[in-house]
Amino acid sequence: MTKNTARGEVRRRSLADREARLRTPDTGPDPLSAALDGERRTVLAAALGQLSDEHRQVVTYRYLLELSESDTAAALGCRPGTVKSRLNRALRKLERALREEGGEGRVV
């Protein structure tokens, strides 16, 4: 197995682990906080649904899957500068959508 193949395999496993953590709800000990977290997730999911595929992907990879800019660029097949500009536009649109949904409005 080559070095690049091994690194790619580790990255794929790490990505799968992060996705699994996102799918597992964190209810915590406090039912009120769990309800609020669930409501916030619902509002965020609705706001993310309003973004284009390009913008939704870059936000998901960068923040929800916690990939670096360079890893996000590699995963999307673009340059890091493209990731930065798409992310900037996506966050502005997401912020607007969250305000409309009644969310806090501040994304990051």
PDB file of N, CA and C in Angstrom:
ATOM      1  N   MET A   1       0.852  -1.170   0.000  1.00  0.00           N
ATOM      2  CA  MET A   1       0.000   0.000   0.000  1.00  0.00           C
ATOM      3  C   MET A   1       0.900   1.236   0.000  1.00  0.00           C
ATOM      4  N   THR A   2       0.629   2.143  -0.908  1.00  0.00           N
ATOM      5  CA  THR A   2       1.442   3.345  -0.974  1.00  0.00           C
ATOM      6  C   THR A   2       1.084   4.299   0.146  1.00  0.00           C
ATOM      7  N   LYS A   3       1.969   5.246   0.369  1.00  0.00           N
ATOM      8  CA  LYS A   3       1.764   6.233   1.429  1.00  0.00           C
ATOM      9  C   LYS A   3       0.485   7.043   1.189  1.00  0.00           C
ATOM     10  N   ASN A   4       0.271   7.485  -0.056  1.00  0.00           N
ATOM     11  CA  ASN A   4      -0.924   8.268  -0.382  1.00  0.00           C
ATOM     12  C   ASN A   4      -2.204   7.457  -0.208  1.00  0.00           C
ATOM     13  N   THR A   5      -2.164   6.196  -0.591  1.00  0.00           N
ATOM     14  CA  THR A   5      -3.335   5.333  -0.425  1.00  0.00           C
ATOM     15  C   THR A   5      -3.659   5.166   1.057  1.00  0.00           C
ATOM     16  N   ALA A   6      -2.627   4.955   1.864  1.00  0.00           N
ATOM     17  CA  ALA A   6      -2.826   4.796   3.310  1.00  0.00           C
ATOM     18  C   ALA A   6      -3.406   6.069   3.912  1.00  0.00           C
ATOM     19  N   ARG A   7      -2.860   7.229   3.528  1.00  0.00           N
ATOM     20  CA  ARG A   7      -3.379   8.496   4.046  1.00  0.00           C
ATOM     21  C   ARG A   7      -4.821   8.718   3.632  1.00  0.00           C
ATOM     22  N   GLY A   8      -5.130   8.376   2.392  1.00  0.00           N
ATOM     23  CA  GLY A   8      -6.501   8.515   1.900  1.00  0.00           C
ATOM     24  C   GLY A   8      -7.470   7.643   2.672  1.00  0.00           C
ATOM     25  N   GLU A   9      -7.029   6.425   2.997  1.00  0.00           N
ATOM     26  CA  GLU A   9      -7.871   5.506   3.764  1.00  0.00           C
ATOM     27  C   GLU A   9      -8.138   6.052   5.163  1.00  0.00           C
ATOM     28  N   VAL A  10      -7.117   6.592   5.813  1.00  0.00           N
ATOM     29  CA  VAL A  10      -7.278   7.191   7.144  1.00  0.00           C
ATOM     30  C   VAL A  10      -8.246   8.364   7.061  1.00  0.00           C
ATOM     31  N   ARG A  11      -8.098   9.191   6.030  1.00  0.00           N
ATOM     32  CA  ARG A  11      -8.967  10.359   5.862  1.00  0.00           C
ATOM     33  C   ARG A  11     -10.420   9.932   5.652  1.00  0.00           C
ATOM     34  N   ARG A  12     -10.634   8.883   4.845  1.00  0.00           N
ATOM     35  CA  ARG A  12     -11.999   8.398   4.598  1.00  0.00           C
ATOM     36  C   ARG A  12     -12.627   7.854   5.879  1.00  0.00           C
ATOM     37  N   ARG A  13     -11.841   7.105   6.662  1.00  0.00           N
ATOM     38  CA  ARG A  13     -12.365   6.585   7.930  1.00  0.00           C
ATOM     39  C   ARG A  13     -12.694   7.717   8.889  1.00  0.00           C
ATOM     40  N   SER A  14     -11.837   8.716   8.939  1.00  0.00           N
ATOM     41  CA  SER A  14     -12.062   9.865   9.812  1.00  0.00           C
ATOM     42  C   SER A  14     -13.328  10.608   9.382  1.00  0.00           C
ATOM     43  N   LEU A  15     -13.513  10.768   8.086  1.00  0.00           N
ATOM     44  CA  LEU A  15     -14.702  11.428   7.556  1.00  0.00           C
ATOM     45  C   LEU A  15     -15.956  10.638   7.906  1.00  0.00           C
ATOM     46  N   ALA A  16     -15.889   9.317   7.783  1.00  0.00           N
ATOM     47  CA  ALA A  16     -17.040   8.472   8.128  1.00  0.00           C
ATOM     48  C   ALA A  16     -17.359   8.574   9.620  1.00  0.00           C
ATOM     49  N   ASP A  17     -16.323   8.631  10.466  1.00  0.00           N
ATOM     50  CA  ASP A  17     -16.543   8.781  11.909  1.00  0.00           C
ATOM     51  C   ASP A  17     -17.222  10.109  12.226  1.00  0.00           C
ATOM     52  N   ARG A  18     -16.785  11.186  11.565  1.00  0.00           N
ATOM     53  CA  ARG A  18     -17.391  12.504  11.802  1.00  0.00           C
ATOM     54  C   ARG A  18     -18.853  12.519  11.363  1.00  0.00           C
ATOM     55  N   GLU A  19     -19.126  11.904  10.220  1.00  0.00           N
ATOM     56  CA  GLU A  19     -20.514  11.845   9.745  1.00  0.00           C
ATOM     57  C   GLU A  19     -21.384  11.066  10.730  1.00  0.00           C
ATOM     58  N   ALA A  20     -20.858   9.978  11.269  1.00  0.00           N
ATOM     59  CA  ALA A  20     -21.612   9.178  12.231  1.00  0.00           C
ATOM     60  C   ALA A  20     -21.910   9.982  13.488  1.00  0.00           C
ATOM     61  N   ARG A  21     -20.936  10.778  13.948  1.00  0.00           N
ATOM     62  CA  ARG A  21     -21.168  11.615  15.134  1.00  0.00           C
ATOM     63  C   ARG A  21     -22.247  12.655  14.869  1.00  0.00           C
ATOM     64  N   LEU A  22     -22.295  13.185  13.657  1.00  0.00           N
ATOM     65  CA  LEU A  22     -23.322  14.178  13.320  1.00  0.00           C
ATOM     66  C   LEU A  22     -24.714  13.560  13.333  1.00  0.00           C
ATOM     67  N   ARG A  23     -24.800  12.305  12.945  1.00  0.00           N
ATOM     68  CA  ARG A  23     -26.103  11.631  12.882  1.00  0.00           C
ATOM     69  C   ARG A  23     -26.590  11.185  14.259  1.00  0.00           C
ATOM     70  N   THR A  24     -25.673  11.063  15.220  1.00  0.00           N
ATOM     71  CA  THR A  24     -26.028  10.623  16.559  1.00  0.00           C
ATOM     72  C   THR A  24     -26.435  11.837  17.384  1.00  0.00           C
ATOM     73  N   PRO A  25     -27.709  11.906  17.799  1.00  0.00           N
ATOM     74  CA  PRO A  25     -28.127  13.079  18.566  1.00  0.00           C
ATOM     75  C   PRO A  25     -27.478  13.114  19.941  1.00  0.00           C
ATOM     76  N   ASP A  26     -27.083  14.303  20.350  1.00  0.00           N
ATOM     77  CA  ASP A  26     -26.484  14.500  21.662  1.00  0.00           C
ATOM     78  C   ASP A  26     -27.553  15.087  22.571  1.00  0.00           C
ATOM     79  N   THR A  27     -28.236  14.214  23.317  1.00  0.00           N
ATOM     80  CA  THR A  27     -29.360  14.673  24.127  1.00  0.00           C
ATOM     81  C   THR A  27     -28.921  15.269  25.446  1.00  0.00           C
ATOM     82  N   GLY A  28     -27.794  14.863  25.970  1.00  0.00           N
ATOM     83  CA  GLY A  28     -27.315  15.430  27.216  1.00  0.00           C
ATOM     84  C   GLY A  28     -28.276  15.143  28.365  1.00  0.00           C
ATOM     85  N   PRO A  29     -27.907  15.552  29.569  1.00  0.00           N
ATOM     86  CA  PRO A  29     -28.732  15.243  30.736  1.00  0.00           C
ATOM     87  C   PRO A  29     -29.950  16.154  30.893  1.00  0.00           C
ATOM     88  N   ASP A  30     -29.936  17.316  30.282  1.00  0.00           N
ATOM     89  CA  ASP A  30     -31.001  18.290  30.468  1.00  0.00           C
ATOM     90  C   ASP A  30     -32.006  18.241  29.325  1.00  0.00           C
ATOM     91  N   PRO A  31     -33.270  17.850  29.584  1.00  0.00           N
ATOM     92  CA  PRO A  31     -34.264  17.748  28.519  1.00  0.00           C
ATOM     93  C   PRO A  31     -34.545  19.087  27.825  1.00  0.00           C
ATOM     94  N   LEU A  32     -34.518  20.198  28.568  1.00  0.00           N
ATOM     95  CA  LEU A  32     -34.759  21.512  27.970  1.00  0.00           C
ATOM     96  C   LEU A  32     -33.660  21.843  26.979  1.00  0.00           C
ATOM     97  N   SER A  33     -32.422  21.611  27.382  1.00  0.00           N
ATOM     98  CA  SER A  33     -31.319  21.886  26.476  1.00  0.00           C
ATOM     99  C   SER A  33     -31.360  20.975  25.264  1.00  0.00           C
ATOM    100  N   ALA A  34     -31.781  19.735  25.451  1.00  0.00           N
ATOM    101  CA  ALA A  34     -31.918  18.815  24.319  1.00  0.00           C
ATOM    102  C   ALA A  34     -32.988  19.312  23.357  1.00  0.00           C
ATOM    103  N   ALA A  35     -34.105  19.813  23.890  1.00  0.00           N
ATOM    104  CA  ALA A  35     -35.179  20.336  23.034  1.00  0.00           C
ATOM    105  C   ALA A  35     -34.707  21.562  22.265  1.00  0.00           C
ATOM    106  N   LEU A  36     -33.987  22.455  22.953  1.00  0.00           N
ATOM    107  CA  LEU A  36     -33.475  23.653  22.278  1.00  0.00           C
ATOM    108  C   LEU A  36     -32.453  23.287  21.210  1.00  0.00           C
ATOM    109  N   ASP A  37     -31.576  22.327  21.522  1.00  0.00           N
ATOM    110  CA  ASP A  37     -30.597  21.881  20.531  1.00  0.00           C
ATOM    111  C   ASP A  37     -31.301  21.299  19.315  1.00  0.00           C
ATOM    112  N   GLY A  38     -32.339  20.498  19.556  1.00  0.00           N
ATOM    113  CA  GLY A  38     -33.109  19.923  18.452  1.00  0.00           C
ATOM    114  C   GLY A  38     -33.772  20.997  17.612  1.00  0.00           C
ATOM    115  N   GLU A  39     -34.292  22.022  18.262  1.00  0.00           N
ATOM    116  CA  GLU A  39     -34.928  23.131  17.539  1.00  0.00           C
ATOM    117  C   GLU A  39     -33.901  23.903  16.720  1.00  0.00           C
ATOM    118  N   ARG A  40     -32.741  24.138  17.311  1.00  0.00           N
ATOM    119  CA  ARG A  40     -31.668  24.842  16.585  1.00  0.00           C
ATOM    120  C   ARG A  40     -31.206  24.034  15.373  1.00  0.00           C
ATOM    121  N   ARG A  41     -31.097  22.727  15.555  1.00  0.00           N
ATOM    122  CA  ARG A  41     -30.697  21.870  14.428  1.00  0.00           C
ATOM    123  C   ARG A  41     -31.733  21.928  13.311  1.00  0.00           C
ATOM    124  N   THR A  42     -32.997  21.941  13.684  1.00  0.00           N
ATOM    125  CA  THR A  42     -34.068  22.011  12.694  1.00  0.00           C
ATOM    126  C   THR A  42     -33.989  23.313  11.913  1.00  0.00           C
ATOM    127  N   VAL A  43     -33.789  24.421  12.629  1.00  0.00           N
ATOM    128  CA  VAL A  43     -33.674  25.737  11.977  1.00  0.00           C
ATOM    129  C   VAL A  43     -32.440  25.766  11.081  1.00  0.00           C
ATOM    130  N   LEU A  44     -31.319  25.240  11.579  1.00  0.00           N
ATOM    131  CA  LEU A  44     -30.095  25.216  10.784  1.00  0.00           C
ATOM    132  C   LEU A  44     -30.260  24.339   9.543  1.00  0.00           C
ATOM    133  N   ALA A  45     -30.889  23.189   9.697  1.00  0.00           N
ATOM    134  CA  ALA A  45     -31.115  22.297   8.546  1.00  0.00           C
ATOM    135  C   ALA A  45     -31.989  22.981   7.499  1.00  0.00           C
ATOM    136  N   ALA A  46     -33.016  23.703   7.936  1.00  0.00           N
ATOM    137  CA  ALA A  46     -33.878  24.424   6.995  1.00  0.00           C
ATOM    138  C   ALA A  46     -33.093  25.507   6.271  1.00  0.00           C
ATOM    139  N   ALA A  47     -32.242  26.224   6.995  1.00  0.00           N
ATOM    140  CA  ALA A  47     -31.426  27.275   6.383  1.00  0.00           C
ATOM    141  C   ALA A  47     -30.407  26.678   5.411  1.00  0.00           C
ATOM    142  N   LEU A  48     -29.788  25.562   5.789  1.00  0.00           N
ATOM    143  CA  LEU A  48     -28.849  24.894   4.883  1.00  0.00           C
ATOM    144  C   LEU A  48     -29.551  24.416   3.617  1.00  0.00           C
ATOM    145  N   GLY A  49     -30.799  24.008   3.759  1.00  0.00           N
ATOM    146  CA  GLY A  49     -31.576  23.550   2.608  1.00  0.00           C
ATOM    147  C   GLY A  49     -31.839  24.643   1.583  1.00  0.00           C
ATOM    148  N   GLN A  50     -31.727  25.891   2.002  1.00  0.00           N
ATOM    149  CA  GLN A  50     -31.950  27.012   1.087  1.00  0.00           C
ATOM    150  C   GLN A  50     -30.701  27.352   0.273  1.00  0.00           C
ATOM    151  N   LEU A  51     -29.555  26.803   0.648  1.00  0.00           N
ATOM    152  CA  LEU A  51     -28.310  27.084  -0.069  1.00  0.00           C
ATOM    153  C   LEU A  51     -28.199  26.231  -1.328  1.00  0.00           C
ATOM    154  N   SER A  52     -27.402  26.711  -2.271  1.00  0.00           N
ATOM    155  CA  SER A  52     -27.111  25.907  -3.461  1.00  0.00           C
ATOM    156  C   SER A  52     -26.266  24.706  -3.038  1.00  0.00           C
ATOM    157  N   ASP A  53     -26.178  23.710  -3.908  1.00  0.00           N
ATOM    158  CA  ASP A  53     -25.384  22.518  -3.592  1.00  0.00           C
ATOM    159  C   ASP A  53     -23.926  22.878  -3.299  1.00  0.00           C
ATOM    160  N   GLU A  54     -23.344  23.767  -4.117  1.00  0.00           N
ATOM    161  CA  GLU A  54     -21.953  24.192  -3.916  1.00  0.00           C
ATOM    162  C   GLU A  54     -21.749  24.784  -2.527  1.00  0.00           C
ATOM    163  N   HIS A  55     -22.645  25.682  -2.154  1.00  0.00           N
ATOM    164  CA  HIS A  55     -22.512  26.353  -0.864  1.00  0.00           C
ATOM    165  C   HIS A  55     -22.798  25.404   0.301  1.00  0.00           C
ATOM    166  N   ARG A  56     -23.779  24.551   0.144  1.00  0.00           N
ATOM    167  CA  ARG A  56     -24.109  23.592   1.206  1.00  0.00           C
ATOM    168  C   ARG A  56     -22.933  22.635   1.434  1.00  0.00           C
ATOM    169  N   GLN A  57     -22.314  22.180   0.339  1.00  0.00           N
ATOM    170  CA  GLN A  57     -21.179  21.260   0.459  1.00  0.00           C
ATOM    171  C   GLN A  57     -20.008  21.904   1.191  1.00  0.00           C
ATOM    172  N   VAL A  58     -19.668  23.123   0.814  1.00  0.00           N
ATOM    173  CA  VAL A  58     -18.494  23.757   1.418  1.00  0.00           C
ATOM    174  C   VAL A  58     -18.727  24.018   2.908  1.00  0.00           C
ATOM    175  N   VAL A  59     -19.932  24.415   3.291  1.00  0.00           N
ATOM    176  CA  VAL A  59     -20.240  24.621   4.714  1.00  0.00           C
ATOM    177  C   VAL A  59     -20.206  23.285   5.455  1.00  0.00           C
ATOM    178  N   THR A  60     -20.786  22.261   4.870  1.00  0.00           N
ATOM    179  CA  THR A  60     -20.824  20.944   5.497  1.00  0.00           C
ATOM    180  C   THR A  60     -19.417  20.381   5.695  1.00  0.00           C
ATOM    181  N   TYR A  61     -18.614  20.423   4.650  1.00  0.00           N
ATOM    182  CA  TYR A  61     -17.264  19.868   4.748  1.00  0.00           C
ATOM    183  C   TYR A  61     -16.418  20.648   5.747  1.00  0.00           C
ATOM    184  N   ARG A  62     -16.495  21.970   5.658  1.00  0.00           N
ATOM    185  CA  ARG A  62     -15.606  22.815   6.477  1.00  0.00           C
ATOM    186  C   ARG A  62     -16.003  22.828   7.948  1.00  0.00           C
ATOM    187  N   TYR A  63     -17.292  22.978   8.232  1.00  0.00           N
ATOM    188  CA  TYR A  63     -17.713  23.156   9.628  1.00  0.00           C
ATOM    189  C   TYR A  63     -18.361  21.923  10.256  1.00  0.00           C
ATOM    190  N   LEU A  64     -19.229  21.254   9.541  1.00  0.00           N
ATOM    191  CA  LEU A  64     -19.889  20.106  10.147  1.00  0.00           C
ATOM    192  C   LEU A  64     -18.979  18.884  10.183  1.00  0.00           C
ATOM    193  N   LEU A  65     -18.195  18.689   9.130  1.00  0.00           N
ATOM    194  CA  LEU A  65     -17.254  17.564   9.113  1.00  0.00           C
ATOM    195  C   LEU A  65     -15.874  17.973   9.614  1.00  0.00           C
ATOM    196  N   GLU A  66     -15.703  19.265   9.892  1.00  0.00           N
ATOM    197  CA  GLU A  66     -14.476  19.817  10.465  1.00  0.00           C
ATOM    198  C   GLU A  66     -13.228  19.535   9.629  1.00  0.00           C
ATOM    199  N   LEU A  67     -13.353  19.612   8.303  1.00  0.00           N
ATOM    200  CA  LEU A  67     -12.189  19.465   7.436  1.00  0.00           C
ATOM    201  C   LEU A  67     -11.458  20.795   7.350  1.00  0.00           C
ATOM    202  N   SER A  68     -10.163  20.748   7.149  1.00  0.00           N
ATOM    203  CA  SER A  68      -9.388  21.973   6.949  1.00  0.00           C
ATOM    204  C   SER A  68      -9.737  22.551   5.577  1.00  0.00           C
ATOM    205  N   GLU A  69      -9.282  23.780   5.337  1.00  0.00           N
ATOM    206  CA  GLU A  69      -9.533  24.377   4.016  1.00  0.00           C
ATOM    207  C   GLU A  69      -8.905  23.546   2.911  1.00  0.00           C
ATOM    208  N   SER A  70      -7.679  23.080   3.135  1.00  0.00           N
ATOM    209  CA  SER A  70      -7.007  22.302   2.093  1.00  0.00           C
ATOM    210  C   SER A  70      -7.692  20.952   1.876  1.00  0.00           C
ATOM    211  N   ASP A  71      -8.148  20.302   2.953  1.00  0.00           N
ATOM    212  CA  ASP A  71      -8.872  19.033   2.798  1.00  0.00           C
ATOM    213  C   ASP A  71     -10.221  19.252   2.117  1.00  0.00           C
ATOM    214  N   THR A  72     -10.884  20.353   2.453  1.00  0.00           N
ATOM    215  CA  THR A  72     -12.158  20.683   1.802  1.00  0.00           C
ATOM    216  C   THR A  72     -11.932  20.910   0.316  1.00  0.00           C
ATOM    217  N   ALA A  73     -10.877  21.640  -0.011  1.00  0.00           N
ATOM    218  CA  ALA A  73     -10.552  21.893  -1.420  1.00  0.00           C
ATOM    219  C   ALA A  73     -10.281  20.583  -2.154  1.00  0.00           C
ATOM    220  N   ALA A  74      -9.537  19.694  -1.531  1.00  0.00           N
ATOM    221  CA  ALA A  74      -9.235  18.399  -2.151  1.00  0.00           C
ATOM    222  C   ALA A  74     -10.507  17.574  -2.341  1.00  0.00           C
ATOM    223  N   ALA A  75     -11.371  17.574  -1.333  1.00  0.00           N
ATOM    224  CA  ALA A  75     -12.609  16.796  -1.415  1.00  0.00           C
ATOM    225  C   ALA A  75     -13.541  17.335  -2.494  1.00  0.00           C
ATOM    226  N   LEU A  76     -13.550  18.655  -2.667  1.00  0.00           N
ATOM    227  CA  LEU A  76     -14.432  19.266  -3.662  1.00  0.00           C
ATOM    228  C   LEU A  76     -13.777  19.394  -5.032  1.00  0.00           C
ATOM    229  N   GLY A  77     -12.483  19.117  -5.099  1.00  0.00           N
ATOM    230  CA  GLY A  77     -11.769  19.202  -6.370  1.00  0.00           C
ATOM    231  C   GLY A  77     -11.589  20.635  -6.853  1.00  0.00           C
ATOM    232  N   CYS A  78     -11.298  21.542  -5.916  1.00  0.00           N
ATOM    233  CA  CYS A  78     -11.089  22.942  -6.286  1.00  0.00           C
ATOM    234  C   CYS A  78      -9.902  23.488  -5.500  1.00  0.00           C
ATOM    235  N   ARG A  79      -9.610  24.758  -5.712  1.00  0.00           N
ATOM    236  CA  ARG A  79      -8.487  25.396  -5.015  1.00  0.00           C
ATOM    237  C   ARG A  79      -8.923  25.922  -3.649  1.00  0.00           C
ATOM    238  N   PRO A  80      -7.982  26.071  -2.719  1.00  0.00           N
ATOM    239  CA  PRO A  80      -8.313  26.625  -1.405  1.00  0.00           C
ATOM    240  C   PRO A  80      -8.942  28.021  -1.485  1.00  0.00           C
ATOM    241  N   GLY A  81      -8.516  28.827  -2.432  1.00  0.00           N
ATOM    242  CA  GLY A  81      -9.108  30.151  -2.607  1.00  0.00           C
ATOM    243  C   GLY A  81     -10.578  30.066  -2.994  1.00  0.00           C
ATOM    244  N   THR A  82     -10.925  29.054  -3.770  1.00  0.00           N
ATOM    245  CA  THR A  82     -12.323  28.837  -4.143  1.00  0.00           C
ATOM    246  C   THR A  82     -13.138  28.441  -2.920  1.00  0.00           C
ATOM    247  N   VAL A  83     -12.539  27.633  -2.062  1.00  0.00           N
ATOM    248  CA  VAL A  83     -13.211  27.245  -0.816  1.00  0.00           C
ATOM    249  C   VAL A  83     -13.495  28.494   0.015  1.00  0.00           C
ATOM    250  N   LYS A  84     -12.497  29.373   0.142  1.00  0.00           N
ATOM    251  CA  LYS A  84     -12.664  30.589   0.944  1.00  0.00           C
ATOM    252  C   LYS A  84     -13.780  31.469   0.392  1.00  0.00           C
ATOM    253  N   SER A  85     -13.793  31.682  -0.917  1.00  0.00           N
ATOM    254  CA  SER A  85     -14.816  32.565  -1.487  1.00  0.00           C
ATOM    255  C   SER A  85     -16.205  31.935  -1.408  1.00  0.00           C
ATOM    256  N   ARG A  86     -16.311  30.640  -1.694  1.00  0.00           N
ATOM    257  CA  ARG A  86     -17.616  29.975  -1.584  1.00  0.00           C
ATOM    258  C   ARG A  86     -18.111  29.995  -0.137  1.00  0.00           C
ATOM    259  N   LEU A  87     -17.193  29.764   0.781  1.00  0.00           N
ATOM    260  CA  LEU A  87     -17.555  29.746   2.193  1.00  0.00           C
ATOM    261  C   LEU A  87     -18.040  31.120   2.651  1.00  0.00           C
ATOM    262  N   ASN A  88     -17.362  32.154   2.211  1.00  0.00           N
ATOM    263  CA  ASN A  88     -17.773  33.516   2.559  1.00  0.00           C
ATOM    264  C   ASN A  88     -19.183  33.798   2.063  1.00  0.00           C
ATOM    265  N   ARG A  89     -19.442  33.490   0.801  1.00  0.00           N
ATOM    266  CA  ARG A  89     -20.780  33.721   0.236  1.00  0.00           C
ATOM    267  C   ARG A  89     -21.825  32.848   0.925  1.00  0.00           C
ATOM    268  N   ALA A  90     -21.468  31.592   1.172  1.00  0.00           N
ATOM    269  CA  ALA A  90     -22.408  30.657   1.794  1.00  0.00           C
ATOM    270  C   ALA A  90     -22.782  31.106   3.206  1.00  0.00           C
ATOM    271  N   LEU A  91     -21.798  31.568   3.971  1.00  0.00           N
ATOM    272  CA  LEU A  91     -22.077  32.003   5.335  1.00  0.00           C
ATOM    273  C   LEU A  91     -22.958  33.245   5.368  1.00  0.00           C
ATOM    274  N   ARG A  92     -22.742  34.152   4.414  1.00  0.00           N
ATOM    275  CA  ARG A  92     -23.614  35.338   4.347  1.00  0.00           C
ATOM    276  C   ARG A  92     -25.049  34.929   4.027  1.00  0.00           C
ATOM    277  N   LYS A  93     -25.218  34.016   3.078  1.00  0.00           N
ATOM    278  CA  LYS A  93     -26.559  33.547   2.725  1.00  0.00           C
ATOM    279  C   LYS A  93     -27.191  32.775   3.879  1.00  0.00           C
ATOM    280  N   LEU A  94     -26.389  31.972   4.549  1.00  0.00           N
ATOM    281  CA  LEU A  94     -26.878  31.193   5.680  1.00  0.00           C
ATOM    282  C   LEU A  94     -27.313  32.115   6.819  1.00  0.00           C
ATOM    283  N   GLU A  95     -26.543  33.151   7.056  1.00  0.00           N
ATOM    284  CA  GLU A  95     -26.886  34.114   8.098  1.00  0.00           C
ATOM    285  C   GLU A  95     -28.230  34.779   7.793  1.00  0.00           C
ATOM    286  N   ARG A  96     -28.414  35.178   6.539  1.00  0.00           N
ATOM    287  CA  ARG A  96     -29.685  35.784   6.117  1.00  0.00           C
ATOM    288  C   ARG A  96     -30.844  34.800   6.301  1.00  0.00           C
ATOM    289  N   ALA A  97     -30.627  33.567   5.883  1.00  0.00           N
ATOM    290  CA  ALA A  97     -31.673  32.546   5.991  1.00  0.00           C
ATOM    291  C   ALA A  97     -32.025  32.272   7.451  1.00  0.00           C
ATOM    292  N   LEU A  98     -31.025  32.261   8.327  1.00  0.00           N
ATOM    293  CA  LEU A  98     -31.279  32.022   9.751  1.00  0.00           C
ATOM    294  C   LEU A  98     -32.089  33.168  10.363  1.00  0.00           C
ATOM    295  N   ARG A  99     -31.799  34.374   9.943  1.00  0.00           N
ATOM    296  CA  ARG A  99     -32.590  35.512  10.440  1.00  0.00           C
ATOM    297  C   ARG A  99     -34.046  35.367  10.026  1.00  0.00           C
ATOM    298  N   GLU A 100     -34.256  34.956   8.773  1.00  0.00           N
ATOM    299  CA  GLU A 100     -35.623  34.777   8.279  1.00  0.00           C
ATOM    300  C   GLU A 100     -36.346  33.647   8.993  1.00  0.00           C
ATOM    301  N   GLU A 101     -35.596  32.600   9.371  1.00  0.00           N
ATOM    302  CA  GLU A 101     -36.177  31.452  10.062  1.00  0.00           C
ATOM    303  C   GLU A 101     -36.408  31.727  11.540  1.00  0.00           C
ATOM    304  N   GLY A 102     -35.953  32.891  12.001  1.00  0.00           N
ATOM    305  CA  GLY A 102     -36.125  33.208  13.410  1.00  0.00           C
ATOM    306  C   GLY A 102     -34.982  32.729  14.274  1.00  0.00           C
ATOM    307  N   GLY A 103     -33.894  32.352  13.644  1.00  0.00           N
ATOM    308  CA  GLY A 103     -32.718  31.903  14.399  1.00  0.00           C
ATOM    309  C   GLY A 103     -31.936  33.103  14.895  1.00  0.00           C
ATOM    310  N   GLU A 104     -30.776  32.818  15.433  1.00  0.00           N
ATOM    311  CA  GLU A 104     -29.946  33.856  16.021  1.00  0.00           C
ATOM    312  C   GLU A 104     -29.312  34.746  14.968  1.00  0.00           C
ATOM    313  N   GLY A 105     -29.096  34.211  13.775  1.00  0.00           N
ATOM    314  CA  GLY A 105     -28.534  35.029  12.716  1.00  0.00           C
ATOM    315  C   GLY A 105     -27.019  35.002  12.631  1.00  0.00           C
ATOM    316  N   ARG A 106     -26.335  34.697  13.696  1.00  0.00           N
ATOM    317  CA  ARG A 106     -24.882  34.648  13.664  1.00  0.00           C
ATOM    318  C   ARG A 106     -24.458  33.215  13.470  1.00  0.00           C
ATOM    319  N   VAL A 107     -23.709  32.954  12.380  1.00  0.00           N
ATOM    320  CA  VAL A 107     -23.376  31.578  12.013  1.00  0.00           C
ATOM    321  C   VAL A 107     -22.091  31.107  12.675  1.00  0.00           C
ATOM    322  N   VAL A 108     -21.004  31.859  12.506  1.00  0.00           N
ATOM    323  CA  VAL A 108     -19.708  31.405  13.024  1.00  0.00           C
ATOM    324  C   VAL A 108     -19.138  32.427  13.963  1.00  0.00           C
TER     325      VAL A 108
END
